[in-house]
N, C-alpha and C. Protein backbone atom coordinates (compact mmCIF):
# COMPACT_ATOMS: atom_id res chain seq x y z
N MET A 1 0.85 -1.16 0.00
CA MET A 1 0.00 0.00 0.00
C MET A 1 0.90 1.22 0.00
N GLN A 2 1.42 1.54 -1.15
CA GLN A 2 2.33 2.67 -1.20
C GLN A 2 1.89 3.63 -2.28
N GLY A 3 2.16 4.91 -2.08
CA GLY A 3 1.81 5.93 -3.06
C GLY A 3 0.41 6.50 -2.88
N VAL A 4 -0.25 6.22 -1.75
CA VAL A 4 -1.60 6.75 -1.51
C VAL A 4 -1.67 7.57 -0.23
N GLY A 5 -0.54 7.85 0.39
CA GLY A 5 -0.52 8.66 1.60
C GLY A 5 -0.91 7.90 2.86
N TYR A 6 -0.78 6.58 2.82
CA TYR A 6 -1.23 5.77 3.95
C TYR A 6 -0.44 6.07 5.22
N ARG A 7 0.88 6.24 5.11
CA ARG A 7 1.68 6.52 6.32
C ARG A 7 1.27 7.85 6.96
N TYR A 8 0.99 8.85 6.15
CA TYR A 8 0.56 10.15 6.68
C TYR A 8 -0.84 10.04 7.28
N PHE A 9 -1.70 9.23 6.65
CA PHE A 9 -3.02 8.97 7.20
C PHE A 9 -2.88 8.32 8.57
N CYS A 10 -1.99 7.32 8.69
CA CYS A 10 -1.76 6.65 9.98
C CYS A 10 -1.27 7.63 11.03
N SER A 11 -0.40 8.52 10.65
CA SER A 11 0.13 9.51 11.59
C SER A 11 -1.00 10.39 12.10
N ASP A 12 -1.87 10.85 11.21
CA ASP A 12 -3.01 11.67 11.62
C ASP A 12 -3.97 10.88 12.50
N ALA A 13 -4.22 9.61 12.12
CA ALA A 13 -5.13 8.75 12.90
C ALA A 13 -4.56 8.49 14.29
N ALA A 14 -3.25 8.31 14.38
CA ALA A 14 -2.60 8.09 15.67
C ALA A 14 -2.76 9.31 16.56
N SER A 15 -2.57 10.48 15.99
CA SER A 15 -2.73 11.71 16.74
C SER A 15 -4.17 11.85 17.24
N SER A 16 -5.12 11.55 16.38
CA SER A 16 -6.53 11.64 16.74
C SER A 16 -6.90 10.65 17.84
N ALA A 17 -6.32 9.44 17.77
CA ALA A 17 -6.64 8.40 18.75
C ALA A 17 -5.83 8.53 20.03
N GLY A 18 -4.76 9.30 19.97
CA GLY A 18 -3.91 9.47 21.15
C GLY A 18 -2.91 8.35 21.36
N VAL A 19 -2.50 7.68 20.27
CA VAL A 19 -1.51 6.62 20.39
C VAL A 19 -0.14 7.12 19.94
N THR A 20 0.90 6.44 20.37
CA THR A 20 2.27 6.75 19.98
C THR A 20 2.84 5.54 19.24
N GLY A 21 3.99 5.72 18.59
CA GLY A 21 4.64 4.62 17.88
C GLY A 21 5.21 5.07 16.56
N TRP A 22 5.10 4.22 15.55
CA TRP A 22 5.65 4.55 14.23
C TRP A 22 4.97 3.74 13.12
N VAL A 23 5.19 4.18 11.88
CA VAL A 23 4.69 3.51 10.67
C VAL A 23 5.79 3.57 9.61
N ARG A 24 5.89 2.52 8.81
CA ARG A 24 6.87 2.53 7.71
C ARG A 24 6.41 1.60 6.59
N ASN A 25 6.87 1.88 5.36
CA ASN A 25 6.64 1.00 4.22
C ASN A 25 7.63 -0.15 4.28
N LEU A 26 7.19 -1.32 3.80
CA LEU A 26 8.07 -2.48 3.67
C LEU A 26 8.35 -2.73 2.19
N ALA A 27 9.42 -3.42 1.89
CA ALA A 27 9.83 -3.68 0.51
C ALA A 27 8.77 -4.45 -0.28
N ASN A 28 7.97 -5.26 0.40
CA ASN A 28 6.97 -6.07 -0.31
C ASN A 28 5.67 -5.31 -0.60
N GLY A 29 5.64 -4.01 -0.28
CA GLY A 29 4.47 -3.20 -0.55
C GLY A 29 3.54 -3.07 0.65
N ASN A 30 3.77 -3.84 1.69
CA ASN A 30 2.97 -3.73 2.90
C ASN A 30 3.41 -2.53 3.73
N VAL A 31 2.63 -2.22 4.73
CA VAL A 31 2.96 -1.17 5.67
C VAL A 31 3.02 -1.79 7.06
N GLU A 32 4.03 -1.45 7.83
CA GLU A 32 4.20 -1.96 9.19
C GLU A 32 3.97 -0.81 10.17
N VAL A 33 3.21 -1.10 11.22
CA VAL A 33 2.90 -0.11 12.24
C VAL A 33 3.17 -0.70 13.61
N MET A 34 3.77 0.10 14.47
CA MET A 34 3.93 -0.24 15.89
C MET A 34 3.24 0.89 16.64
N ALA A 35 2.21 0.55 17.40
CA ALA A 35 1.45 1.58 18.11
C ALA A 35 1.31 1.21 19.58
N GLU A 36 1.23 2.24 20.40
CA GLU A 36 1.16 2.05 21.84
C GLU A 36 0.08 2.97 22.41
N GLY A 37 -0.72 2.45 23.31
CA GLY A 37 -1.75 3.23 23.96
C GLY A 37 -2.64 2.31 24.76
N VAL A 38 -3.67 2.87 25.37
CA VAL A 38 -4.63 2.02 26.07
C VAL A 38 -5.53 1.36 25.02
N LEU A 39 -6.15 0.25 25.40
CA LEU A 39 -6.90 -0.57 24.45
C LEU A 39 -7.93 0.24 23.66
N GLU A 40 -8.68 1.09 24.31
CA GLU A 40 -9.69 1.89 23.61
C GLU A 40 -9.06 2.76 22.53
N GLN A 41 -7.92 3.37 22.83
CA GLN A 41 -7.20 4.19 21.85
C GLN A 41 -6.72 3.34 20.68
N LEU A 42 -6.16 2.18 21.00
CA LEU A 42 -5.64 1.30 19.95
C LEU A 42 -6.76 0.80 19.05
N GLU A 43 -7.91 0.48 19.62
CA GLU A 43 -9.03 0.02 18.81
C GLU A 43 -9.51 1.11 17.86
N LYS A 44 -9.55 2.35 18.33
CA LYS A 44 -9.91 3.48 17.47
C LYS A 44 -8.90 3.64 16.34
N PHE A 45 -7.62 3.53 16.67
CA PHE A 45 -6.56 3.65 15.68
C PHE A 45 -6.64 2.52 14.64
N VAL A 46 -6.79 1.28 15.09
CA VAL A 46 -6.87 0.14 14.17
C VAL A 46 -8.08 0.29 13.26
N SER A 47 -9.19 0.76 13.79
CA SER A 47 -10.39 0.98 12.97
C SER A 47 -10.10 1.96 11.84
N ALA A 48 -9.40 3.03 12.16
CA ALA A 48 -9.02 4.02 11.14
C ALA A 48 -8.08 3.39 10.12
N CYS A 49 -7.12 2.59 10.57
CA CYS A 49 -6.17 1.94 9.67
C CYS A 49 -6.88 0.99 8.71
N CYS A 50 -7.94 0.37 9.18
CA CYS A 50 -8.72 -0.54 8.32
C CYS A 50 -9.43 0.22 7.21
N ARG A 51 -9.83 1.46 7.48
CA ARG A 51 -10.46 2.30 6.46
C ARG A 51 -9.42 2.84 5.49
N GLY A 52 -8.36 3.41 6.03
CA GLY A 52 -7.31 4.02 5.21
C GLY A 52 -7.77 5.31 4.57
N PRO A 53 -6.85 5.98 3.87
CA PRO A 53 -7.20 7.22 3.19
C PRO A 53 -8.11 6.94 1.99
N SER A 54 -8.75 7.97 1.47
CA SER A 54 -9.74 7.78 0.41
C SER A 54 -9.17 7.14 -0.85
N MET A 55 -7.90 7.34 -1.15
CA MET A 55 -7.30 6.78 -2.38
C MET A 55 -6.77 5.36 -2.18
N SER A 56 -6.98 4.78 -1.00
CA SER A 56 -6.42 3.45 -0.73
C SER A 56 -7.50 2.39 -0.80
N ARG A 57 -7.04 1.16 -0.90
CA ARG A 57 -7.91 0.00 -0.79
C ARG A 57 -7.24 -0.95 0.20
N VAL A 58 -7.67 -0.92 1.43
CA VAL A 58 -7.10 -1.76 2.48
C VAL A 58 -7.78 -3.13 2.38
N THR A 59 -6.97 -4.16 2.17
CA THR A 59 -7.54 -5.50 2.02
C THR A 59 -7.37 -6.37 3.25
N LYS A 60 -6.39 -6.03 4.08
CA LYS A 60 -6.14 -6.86 5.25
C LYS A 60 -5.33 -6.07 6.28
N VAL A 61 -5.73 -6.21 7.53
CA VAL A 61 -4.97 -5.62 8.64
C VAL A 61 -4.78 -6.70 9.68
N ASP A 62 -3.55 -7.07 9.93
CA ASP A 62 -3.23 -8.04 10.98
C ASP A 62 -2.85 -7.27 12.23
N THR A 63 -3.37 -7.70 13.37
CA THR A 63 -3.03 -7.03 14.62
C THR A 63 -2.55 -8.04 15.65
N GLU A 64 -1.67 -7.58 16.49
CA GLU A 64 -1.21 -8.34 17.65
C GLU A 64 -1.18 -7.37 18.82
N TYR A 65 -1.81 -7.75 19.91
CA TYR A 65 -1.81 -6.92 21.11
C TYR A 65 -0.93 -7.58 22.16
N SER A 66 -0.13 -6.76 22.84
CA SER A 66 0.70 -7.26 23.94
C SER A 66 1.02 -6.09 24.86
N GLU A 67 1.59 -6.42 26.01
CA GLU A 67 2.04 -5.37 26.92
C GLU A 67 3.13 -4.56 26.22
N ALA A 68 3.13 -3.28 26.44
CA ALA A 68 4.12 -2.41 25.82
C ALA A 68 5.52 -2.77 26.30
N ALA A 69 6.43 -2.94 25.36
CA ALA A 69 7.82 -3.25 25.68
C ALA A 69 8.70 -2.01 25.57
N VAL A 70 8.22 -1.02 24.81
CA VAL A 70 8.95 0.21 24.57
C VAL A 70 7.97 1.35 24.79
N THR A 71 8.44 2.45 25.28
CA THR A 71 7.57 3.61 25.43
C THR A 71 7.99 4.66 24.43
N PHE A 72 7.04 5.04 23.56
CA PHE A 72 7.30 6.06 22.55
C PHE A 72 6.78 7.40 23.04
N ASP A 73 7.46 8.47 22.67
CA ASP A 73 7.05 9.82 23.05
C ASP A 73 6.05 10.42 22.07
N SER A 74 6.04 9.90 20.84
CA SER A 74 5.20 10.46 19.79
C SER A 74 4.93 9.38 18.74
N PHE A 75 4.28 9.75 17.66
CA PHE A 75 4.07 8.84 16.54
C PHE A 75 4.85 9.40 15.36
N SER A 76 5.66 8.56 14.73
CA SER A 76 6.52 9.05 13.65
C SER A 76 6.39 8.21 12.39
N ILE A 77 6.77 8.82 11.29
CA ILE A 77 6.86 8.12 10.01
C ILE A 77 8.33 7.78 9.82
N ARG A 78 8.62 6.48 9.78
CA ARG A 78 10.01 6.03 9.67
C ARG A 78 10.40 5.81 8.23
N GLN A 79 11.71 5.77 8.03
CA GLN A 79 12.23 5.43 6.71
C GLN A 79 11.74 4.05 6.33
N SER A 80 11.60 3.80 5.08
CA SER A 80 11.13 2.51 4.59
C SER A 80 12.01 1.38 5.06
N GLY A 81 11.41 0.23 5.31
CA GLY A 81 12.14 -0.95 5.75
C GLY A 81 12.58 -1.78 4.56
N PHE A 82 13.28 -1.15 3.61
CA PHE A 82 13.77 -1.86 2.42
C PHE A 82 15.18 -2.34 2.70
N GLY A 83 15.34 -3.65 2.72
CA GLY A 83 16.68 -4.18 2.85
C GLY A 83 17.08 -4.51 4.19
């Protein structure tokens, strides 16, 4: 899902939901997200990610919930995970 502004959409959705973490493109065309927040915030964020921006077609969102292992100060757009 690249070239449709998905990472920027995720950043805005994270800000709206009050979650922290990061998003990046992967070499295979997928997008990887690491988000941190309370369950209600994360559910709001995941719901937005499932919709995506208007120019996108989100076909699948895999989620894993666990206790936070890292504490993020903000939500950022990271360099692509190519290579």
